[in-house]
Protein backbone atom coordinates (compact mmCIF):
# COMPACT_ATOMS: atom_id res chain seq x y z
CA MET A 1 -12.47 34.78 8.53
CA SER A 2 -13.54 33.64 5.07
CA THR A 3 -9.98 34.02 3.77
CA ASN A 4 -8.60 31.79 6.53
CA THR A 5 -11.37 29.25 5.92
CA SER A 6 -10.59 29.22 2.20
CA ARG A 7 -6.91 28.67 2.92
CA MET A 8 -7.70 25.83 5.30
CA ARG A 9 -9.90 24.20 2.68
CA THR A 10 -7.18 24.57 0.07
CA ILE A 11 -4.59 23.00 2.38
CA PHE A 12 -6.98 20.19 3.29
CA ARG A 13 -7.73 19.44 -0.37
CA SER A 14 -4.02 19.50 -1.17
CA LYS A 15 -3.20 17.09 1.66
CA THR A 16 -6.11 14.82 0.67
CA THR A 17 -5.01 14.80 -2.97
CA GLN A 18 -1.45 13.94 -1.98
CA ALA A 19 -2.69 11.09 0.22
CA LEU A 20 -4.86 9.72 -2.60
CA ASP A 21 -1.96 10.03 -5.04
CA ARG A 22 0.18 7.97 -2.70
CA MET A 23 -2.60 5.40 -2.32
CA GLU A 24 -3.19 5.21 -6.09
CA ASP A 25 0.42 5.51 -7.19
CA PRO A 26 0.62 3.54 -10.47
CA ARG A 27 4.27 2.80 -9.80
CA ASP A 28 3.28 0.72 -6.78
CA THR A 29 0.61 -1.04 -8.85
CA LEU A 30 3.12 -1.86 -11.57
CA ASP A 31 5.63 -3.15 -9.04
CA ASP A 32 2.95 -5.36 -7.47
CA SER A 33 1.96 -6.75 -10.88
CA TYR A 34 5.59 -7.41 -11.71
CA ASP A 35 6.14 -9.18 -8.41
CA GLN A 36 3.09 -11.38 -9.06
CA GLN A 37 4.40 -12.33 -12.50
CA VAL A 38 7.83 -13.12 -11.07
CA LYS A 39 6.21 -15.35 -8.44
CA LEU A 40 4.17 -17.09 -11.16
CA LEU A 41 7.34 -17.64 -13.16
CA GLN A 42 9.00 -19.10 -10.08
CA HIS A 43 6.05 -21.49 -9.63
CA VAL A 44 6.32 -22.62 -13.25
CA ARG A 45 10.06 -23.18 -12.90
CA LYS A 46 9.44 -25.13 -9.72
CA ALA A 47 6.87 -27.26 -11.56
CA VAL A 48 9.34 -27.87 -14.38
CA ALA A 49 11.94 -28.97 -11.85
CA GLU A 50 9.45 -31.28 -10.10
CA VAL A 51 8.33 -32.90 -13.39
CA ALA A 52 11.94 -33.29 -14.46
CA THR A 53 12.71 -34.96 -11.14
CA ALA A 54 9.75 -37.32 -11.52
CA LYS A 55 10.81 -38.17 -15.08
CA LYS A 56 14.33 -38.87 -13.87
CA ARG A 57 12.99 -41.26 -11.23
CA ILE A 58 10.99 -43.08 -13.92
CA GLU A 59 14.08 -43.29 -16.10
CA LEU A 60 16.05 -44.86 -13.27
CA GLN A 61 13.21 -47.23 -12.51
CA GLY A 62 12.93 -48.14 -16.21
CA GLN A 63 16.65 -48.81 -16.40
CA GLU A 64 16.38 -51.07 -13.38
CA MET A 65 13.43 -52.93 -14.95
CA GLY A 66 15.33 -53.22 -18.23
CA SER A 67 18.25 -54.78 -16.42
CA ARG A 68 15.95 -57.23 -14.62
CA TYR A 69 14.11 -57.98 -17.88
CA GLN A 70 17.40 -58.95 -19.54
CA TRP A 71 18.50 -60.92 -16.48
CA LEU A 72 15.28 -63.01 -16.56
CA ALA A 73 15.88 -63.75 -20.23
CA ASP A 74 19.40 -64.94 -19.41
CA GLN A 75 18.06 -67.04 -16.52
CA ALA A 76 15.46 -68.70 -18.76
CA GLN A 77 18.09 -69.54 -21.34
CA GLU A 78 20.44 -70.94 -18.71
CA ALA A 79 17.63 -73.06 -17.24
CA MET A 80 16.89 -74.53 -20.68
CA ARG A 81 20.57 -75.41 -21.15
CA GLN A 82 20.45 -77.27 -17.88
CA GLY A 83 17.19 -79.00 -18.83
CA ARG A 84 15.11 -77.12 -16.28
CA GLU A 85 12.13 -76.16 -18.41
CA ASP A 86 10.08 -75.41 -15.31
CA LEU A 87 12.59 -72.76 -14.17
CA ALA A 88 12.77 -71.36 -17.66
CA ARG A 89 8.97 -71.09 -17.77
CA ALA A 90 8.90 -69.32 -14.40
CA ALA A 91 11.57 -66.83 -15.55
CA LEU A 92 9.68 -66.14 -18.76
CA GLU A 93 6.41 -65.65 -16.83
CA ARG A 94 8.08 -63.07 -14.56
CA ARG A 95 9.59 -61.49 -17.65
CA SER A 96 6.14 -61.22 -19.19
CA LEU A 97 4.74 -59.55 -16.08
CA LEU A 98 7.67 -57.17 -16.12
CA GLU A 99 6.84 -56.22 -19.69
CA GLY A 100 3.39 -55.00 -18.55
CA GLN A 101 4.96 -52.92 -15.77
CA VAL A 102 7.47 -51.47 -18.18
CA ALA A 103 4.67 -50.60 -20.61
CA LYS A 104 2.84 -48.65 -17.90
CA LEU A 105 6.09 -46.99 -16.88
CA LYS A 106 6.73 -45.98 -20.49
CA ASP A 107 3.28 -44.37 -20.67
CA GLN A 108 4.01 -42.37 -17.51
CA TYR A 109 7.39 -41.39 -18.89
CA ALA A 110 5.85 -40.20 -22.17
CA SER A 111 3.19 -38.21 -20.30
CA LEU A 112 5.83 -36.54 -18.11
CA GLN A 113 7.94 -35.84 -21.16
CA ASN A 114 5.01 -34.06 -22.87
CA GLN A 115 4.22 -32.18 -19.65
CA THR A 116 7.87 -31.15 -19.34
CA ALA A 117 7.87 -29.82 -22.89
CA GLN A 118 4.66 -27.85 -22.24
CA LEU A 119 5.95 -26.40 -18.97
CA GLN A 120 9.25 -25.48 -20.56
CA GLU A 121 7.40 -23.68 -23.35
CA ARG A 122 5.24 -21.85 -20.81
CA GLU A 123 8.33 -20.96 -18.84
CA ARG A 124 9.99 -19.56 -21.96
CA ARG A 125 6.94 -17.47 -22.89
CA LEU A 126 6.41 -16.28 -19.35
CA THR A 127 10.08 -15.34 -19.05
CA GLU A 128 9.82 -13.25 -22.19
CA GLN A 129 6.56 -11.72 -20.94
CA VAL A 130 8.06 -10.84 -17.56
CA ALA A 131 11.12 -9.30 -19.21
CA ALA A 132 8.95 -7.22 -21.58
CA PHE A 133 6.68 -6.18 -18.72
CA ARG A 134 9.68 -5.13 -16.67
CA ILE A 135 10.95 -2.87 -19.46
CA GLU A 136 7.51 -1.33 -19.97
CA LYS A 137 7.06 -0.99 -16.20
CA GLU A 138 10.30 0.92 -15.78
CA THR A 139 9.45 3.13 -18.77
CA ILE A 140 6.02 3.97 -17.35
CA LYS A 141 7.48 4.60 -13.89
CA ALA A 142 10.14 6.93 -15.30
CA THR A 143 7.52 8.81 -17.32
CA TYR A 144 5.23 9.07 -14.30
CA SER A 145 8.07 10.28 -12.07
CA ALA A 146 9.04 12.94 -14.61
CA SER A 147 5.43 14.06 -14.96
CA ALA A 148 4.99 14.13 -11.18
CA ALA A 149 8.14 16.23 -10.83
CA GLN A 150 6.82 18.63 -13.46
CA VAL A 151 3.49 18.87 -11.64
CA ARG A 152 5.25 19.59 -8.34
CA ALA A 153 7.36 22.26 -10.04
CA ASN A 154 4.28 23.88 -11.56
CA GLU A 155 2.43 23.72 -8.25
CA ALA A 156 5.45 25.23 -6.52
CA VAL A 157 5.49 28.12 -9.01
CA ALA A 158 1.75 28.62 -8.55
CA GLY A 159 2.19 28.48 -4.78
CA ILE A 160 4.89 31.15 -4.92
CA GLY A 161 2.55 33.35 -6.98
CA ASN A 162 -0.21 32.99 -4.40
CA GLN A 163 2.19 33.74 -1.58
CA MET A 164 3.44 36.86 -3.34
CA HIS A 165 -0.17 37.94 -3.82
CA ASP A 166 -0.79 37.45 -0.09
CA ILE A 167 2.38 39.36 0.75
CA GLY A 168 1.30 42.23 -1.49
CA GLY A 169 -2.09 42.31 0.21
CA SER A 170 -0.40 42.37 3.62
CA LEU A 171 1.80 45.29 2.56
CA ASP A 172 -1.22 47.23 1.32
CA ARG A 173 -3.06 46.66 4.57
CA ALA A 174 0.03 47.69 6.57
CA ARG A 175 0.38 50.90 4.52
CA ASP A 176 -3.27 51.74 5.13
CA ARG A 177 -2.88 51.18 8.86
CA VAL A 178 0.24 53.36 8.97
CA THR A 179 -1.50 56.15 7.03
CA GLN A 180 -4.51 55.98 9.33
CA MET A 181 -2.28 56.04 12.41
CA GLN A 182 -0.29 59.01 11.09
CA ALA A 183 -3.50 60.93 10.37
CA ARG A 184 -4.80 60.10 13.82
CA ALA A 185 -1.56 61.25 15.45
CA ALA A 186 -1.64 64.55 13.53
CA ALA A 187 -5.30 65.09 14.46
CA THR A 188 -4.68 64.48 18.15
CA ASP A 189 -1.70 66.87 18.07
CA GLU A 190 -3.90 69.57 16.60
CA LEU A 191 -6.62 68.91 19.15
CA LEU A 192 -4.13 69.08 22.00
CA ALA A 193 -2.62 72.29 20.62
CA SER A 194 -6.02 73.91 20.22
CA GLY A 195 -7.14 72.82 23.66
CA ALA A 196 -9.97 70.67 22.38
CA LEU A 197 -8.28 67.74 24.11
CA LYS A 198 -6.90 68.16 27.61
CA ASP A 199 -3.37 66.92 28.28
CA LEU A 200 -3.84 64.94 31.50
CA THR A 201 -0.05 64.59 31.94
CA ALA A 202 0.62 68.36 31.88
CA ALA A 203 0.92 70.53 35.04
CA PRO A 204 -2.14 72.57 36.09
CA ASP A 205 -0.53 75.84 34.94
CA ALA A 206 0.99 74.43 31.76
CA ASP A 207 -1.35 76.46 29.55
CA ILE A 208 -0.36 79.70 31.30
CA GLU A 209 3.30 78.81 30.86
CA ARG A 210 2.77 78.23 27.16
CA GLN A 211 1.07 81.58 26.80
CA LEU A 212 3.86 83.35 28.71
CA SER A 213 6.49 81.56 26.63
CA ALA A 214 4.72 82.63 23.45
CA LEU A 215 4.65 86.26 24.67
CA ALA A 216 8.34 86.11 25.57
CA THR A 217 9.17 84.65 22.18
CA SER A 218 7.16 87.35 20.43
CA ALA A 219 8.88 90.09 22.49
CA ASN A 220 12.30 88.63 21.73
CA VAL A 221 11.52 88.56 18.01
CA ASP A 222 10.37 92.18 18.16
CA ARG A 223 13.61 93.22 19.87
CA GLN A 224 15.69 91.38 17.23
CA LEU A 225 13.77 93.05 14.42
CA GLN A 226 14.25 96.46 16.02
CA ALA A 227 17.97 95.79 16.49
CA MET A 228 18.26 94.85 12.80
CA LYS A 229 16.54 98.11 11.86
CA ASP A 230 18.88 100.14 14.08
CA SER A 231 22.20 98.44 13.20
CA GLY A 232 21.46 97.16 9.70
CA GLU A 233 22.95 93.69 10.38
CA ALA A 234 21.81 90.34 11.72
CA PRO A 235 21.73 90.07 15.52
CA GLY A 236 24.40 88.01 17.26
CA ARG A 237 26.85 88.05 14.27
CA ALA A 238 29.73 89.30 16.38
CA ARG A 239 29.29 86.63 18.98
CA SER A 240 28.47 83.50 17.01
CA GLY A 241 30.50 84.20 13.87
CA SER A 242 31.84 81.12 12.12
CA SER A 243 34.01 79.69 14.94
CA PRO A 244 33.51 75.98 15.81
CA ASP A 245 32.17 76.80 19.27
CA GLY A 246 30.07 79.71 18.13
CA TRP A 247 26.91 77.71 18.72
CA LEU A 248 27.55 77.98 22.47
CA SER A 249 26.70 81.70 22.36
CA ILE A 250 23.34 81.16 20.66
CA GLY A 251 20.53 82.65 22.80
CA GLU A 252 22.89 84.71 24.99
CA ARG A 253 22.29 88.45 25.21
């Protein structure tokens, strides 16, 4: 009972350890960390693309303002040639307002340009970091897999040793049982032969028949011995001889 309980505990601990190993597999942890870094890199690249898009919109808007700024200057000059100082003043006033808008736009453009440079630098560093992490991750995973395979091989060898020990114990127990059974069979045969045990399957006069058979056998042996003394040769030689069917005459008188 204790042996079976010990085996059950061993199996339970083995199964529990395997389950915990699967739950705490460092390869899964490394893959999760790598996936998180890849997602972060994707977010940074998306941010770079968004900032670049915003900067491009500002560039287009600045080009449009630049064209309008030059057009107002041309309109003011044309108005002065035609003697319309009032129109020239109005064009120059609009041009002056446009200069303030362009100045603000230039500040936004410079800010986006700096942000783009910073994001690009972060993207470059993060790309290198992710690539280095991937190499180290695969190296660690390969090392862990090789170590795990070695552990399984060692455990398999140890398991085979334990099984062989159990098999040897089973053989020893089987040999003991066979020896005990043989001794018991021999003892019961002796008891039956001596009459200490009664053969319930035998006929009521079986004991008398055995005694008569023993007397007949003894008388037959005495006759054969006397015949050997009288003739000087083994009884039945002439009949049985060495012919192939000589055994058929055995016991005939």
